[in-house]
Amino acid sequence: EESFPDREDLHFVLDRIYLLERKGDGGQFLRVAEVALGKDSATKTAIYDPPRAFPAMPSKEEEWVHKERMEMKERRNGNRSNRGGRARNNGRRSRNGCRVPDTPEIIAAKRAERRAKRERMQLEQARQETEMEDRESK
């Protein structure tokens, strides 16, 4: 059995917090901002544009880490239809509340929108990886 120290014995310094971002499931978290806490903090508040990786953080997570994270995400999300709560309203509804099927034009527009989003995300990820490789080579 683990034992934890009394609260009075536990001390740590909290001189900053980070605002992080990650786009999609790929890649690591990037620092968007660093906020200094306290007037005596040695850290200065900074905003990073473009966002920056932590110095010792690998630019890409290892395959086994990605696989485990995706499995954990699947376990956490599971089958959402059995979780209760209100379902998302993705479809069109008639006046009596019945779902109206999408027309071929609406389906094509949705597919094009999803394809464009996927391509934007891939380009952004490639740009971030290139920037991180450039920073690491300097």
Protein backbone atom coordinates (compact mmCIF):
# COMPACT_ATOMS: atom_id res chain seq x y z
CA GLU A 1 0.00 0.00 0.00
CA GLU A 2 1.32 3.43 -0.94
CA SER A 3 1.66 6.08 1.69
CA PHE A 4 1.55 9.76 0.97
CA PRO A 5 3.24 12.45 3.03
CA ASP A 6 1.18 14.73 5.20
CA ARG A 7 0.06 17.83 3.37
CA GLU A 8 2.32 19.96 5.53
CA ASP A 9 5.34 17.98 4.28
CA LEU A 10 4.48 18.46 0.63
CA HIS A 11 6.11 21.50 -1.01
CA PHE A 12 6.60 22.52 -4.61
CA VAL A 13 7.17 25.66 -6.65
CA LEU A 14 4.51 26.78 -9.08
CA ASP A 15 5.96 29.76 -10.90
CA ARG A 16 4.25 29.37 -14.30
CA ILE A 17 1.45 27.72 -16.18
CA TYR A 18 1.34 26.80 -19.84
CA LEU A 19 -1.45 27.17 -22.37
CA LEU A 20 -1.12 24.19 -24.72
CA GLU A 21 -2.54 23.14 -28.07
CA ARG A 22 -2.52 20.03 -30.19
CA LYS A 23 -4.28 19.72 -33.48
CA GLY A 24 -5.77 16.33 -34.10
CA ASP A 25 -4.50 13.08 -32.61
CA GLY A 26 -1.03 13.35 -34.10
CA GLY A 27 1.96 15.11 -32.68
CA GLN A 28 2.79 16.51 -29.30
CA PHE A 29 1.34 19.38 -27.35
CA LEU A 30 2.82 22.77 -28.21
CA ARG A 31 3.17 25.77 -25.92
CA VAL A 32 0.97 28.67 -27.02
CA ALA A 33 1.69 30.81 -23.97
CA GLU A 34 3.64 30.73 -20.73
CA VAL A 35 2.08 32.69 -17.88
CA ALA A 36 4.24 33.77 -14.96
CA LEU A 37 2.69 33.39 -11.51
CA GLY A 38 3.60 35.71 -8.68
CA LYS A 39 5.43 38.98 -8.69
CA ASP A 40 8.76 37.35 -7.79
CA SER A 41 8.66 34.78 -10.59
CA ALA A 42 11.87 34.39 -12.58
CA THR A 43 9.68 33.47 -15.56
CA LYS A 44 8.26 36.14 -17.83
CA THR A 45 4.85 35.84 -19.43
CA ALA A 46 5.29 34.97 -23.11
CA ILE A 47 3.07 34.25 -26.08
CA TYR A 48 4.47 31.90 -28.72
CA ASP A 49 3.41 32.49 -32.31
CA PRO A 50 3.94 30.02 -33.82
CA PRO A 51 3.47 27.65 -30.86
CA ARG A 52 6.63 25.96 -29.55
CA ALA A 53 7.43 22.45 -28.43
CA PHE A 54 8.95 21.81 -25.04
CA PRO A 55 12.74 21.60 -25.50
CA ALA A 56 13.18 17.96 -24.37
CA MET A 57 9.94 16.71 -25.96
CA PRO A 58 10.28 14.44 -29.01
CA SER A 59 8.65 15.89 -32.12
CA LYS A 60 6.63 12.73 -32.72
CA GLU A 61 5.30 10.30 -30.16
CA GLU A 62 6.52 6.74 -30.32
CA GLU A 63 4.24 4.24 -32.04
CA TRP A 64 3.51 2.26 -28.86
CA VAL A 65 2.48 5.47 -27.07
CA HIS A 66 0.15 6.45 -29.91
CA LYS A 67 -1.38 2.97 -30.00
CA GLU A 68 -1.98 2.91 -26.24
CA ARG A 69 -3.47 6.42 -26.28
CA MET A 70 -5.87 5.50 -29.09
CA GLU A 71 -6.95 2.34 -27.24
CA MET A 72 -7.53 4.37 -24.07
CA LYS A 73 -9.53 6.93 -26.06
CA GLU A 74 -11.67 4.15 -27.53
CA ARG A 75 -12.30 2.68 -24.08
CA ARG A 76 -13.19 6.12 -22.72
CA ASN A 77 -15.52 7.03 -25.57
CA GLY A 78 -16.92 3.54 -26.12
CA ASN A 79 -20.40 3.31 -27.51
CA ARG A 80 -21.85 6.76 -26.90
CA SER A 81 -25.41 5.67 -27.70
CA ASN A 82 -25.62 3.80 -24.36
CA ARG A 83 -24.33 6.67 -22.23
CA GLY A 84 -27.58 8.59 -21.94
CA GLY A 85 -27.84 12.31 -22.35
CA ARG A 86 -28.92 14.14 -25.44
CA ALA A 87 -27.82 12.85 -28.83
CA ARG A 88 -26.29 15.21 -31.35
CA ASN A 89 -28.67 16.48 -33.99
CA ASN A 90 -26.69 15.94 -37.18
CA GLY A 91 -29.54 15.47 -39.61
CA ARG A 92 -32.36 17.53 -40.94
CA ARG A 93 -35.79 17.01 -39.38
CA SER A 94 -39.28 17.41 -40.78
CA ARG A 95 -42.01 19.19 -38.84
CA ASN A 96 -43.10 15.95 -37.18
CA GLY A 97 -39.54 15.31 -35.93
CA CYS A 98 -38.67 12.51 -38.36
CA ARG A 99 -35.25 12.61 -39.95
CA VAL A 100 -35.15 13.77 -43.57
CA PRO A 101 -32.41 12.00 -45.58
CA ASP A 102 -29.74 14.24 -47.07
CA THR A 103 -29.87 14.87 -50.79
CA PRO A 104 -26.95 13.75 -52.98
CA GLU A 105 -25.90 17.42 -53.23
CA ILE A 106 -25.78 17.82 -49.43
CA ILE A 107 -23.84 14.56 -49.08
CA ALA A 108 -21.33 15.70 -51.72
CA ALA A 109 -20.92 19.07 -49.97
CA LYS A 110 -20.35 17.38 -46.59
CA ARG A 111 -17.76 15.05 -48.12
CA ALA A 112 -15.96 17.94 -49.82
CA GLU A 113 -15.93 19.91 -46.55
CA ARG A 114 -14.51 16.95 -44.64
CA ARG A 115 -11.88 16.30 -47.35
CA ALA A 116 -10.79 19.96 -47.27
CA LYS A 117 -10.56 19.89 -43.46
CA ARG A 118 -8.52 16.67 -43.54
CA GLU A 119 -6.13 18.19 -46.11
CA ARG A 120 -5.76 21.40 -44.05
CA MET A 121 -4.95 19.35 -40.95
CA GLN A 122 -2.36 17.28 -42.85
CA LEU A 123 -0.70 20.41 -44.23
CA GLU A 124 -0.65 22.02 -40.77
CA GLN A 125 0.86 18.89 -39.23
CA ALA A 126 3.54 18.73 -41.95
CA ARG A 127 4.33 22.43 -41.42
CA GLN A 128 4.69 21.93 -37.66
CA GLU A 129 6.93 18.90 -38.14
CA THR A 130 9.14 20.86 -40.56
CA GLU A 131 9.38 23.77 -38.11
CA MET A 132 10.29 21.46 -35.26
CA GLU A 133 12.95 19.73 -37.39
CA ASP A 134 14.35 23.15 -38.35
CA ARG A 135 14.49 24.20 -34.67
CA GLU A 136 16.17 20.94 -33.69
CA SER A 137 18.82 21.31 -36.40
CA LYS A 138 19.83 24.79 -35.18
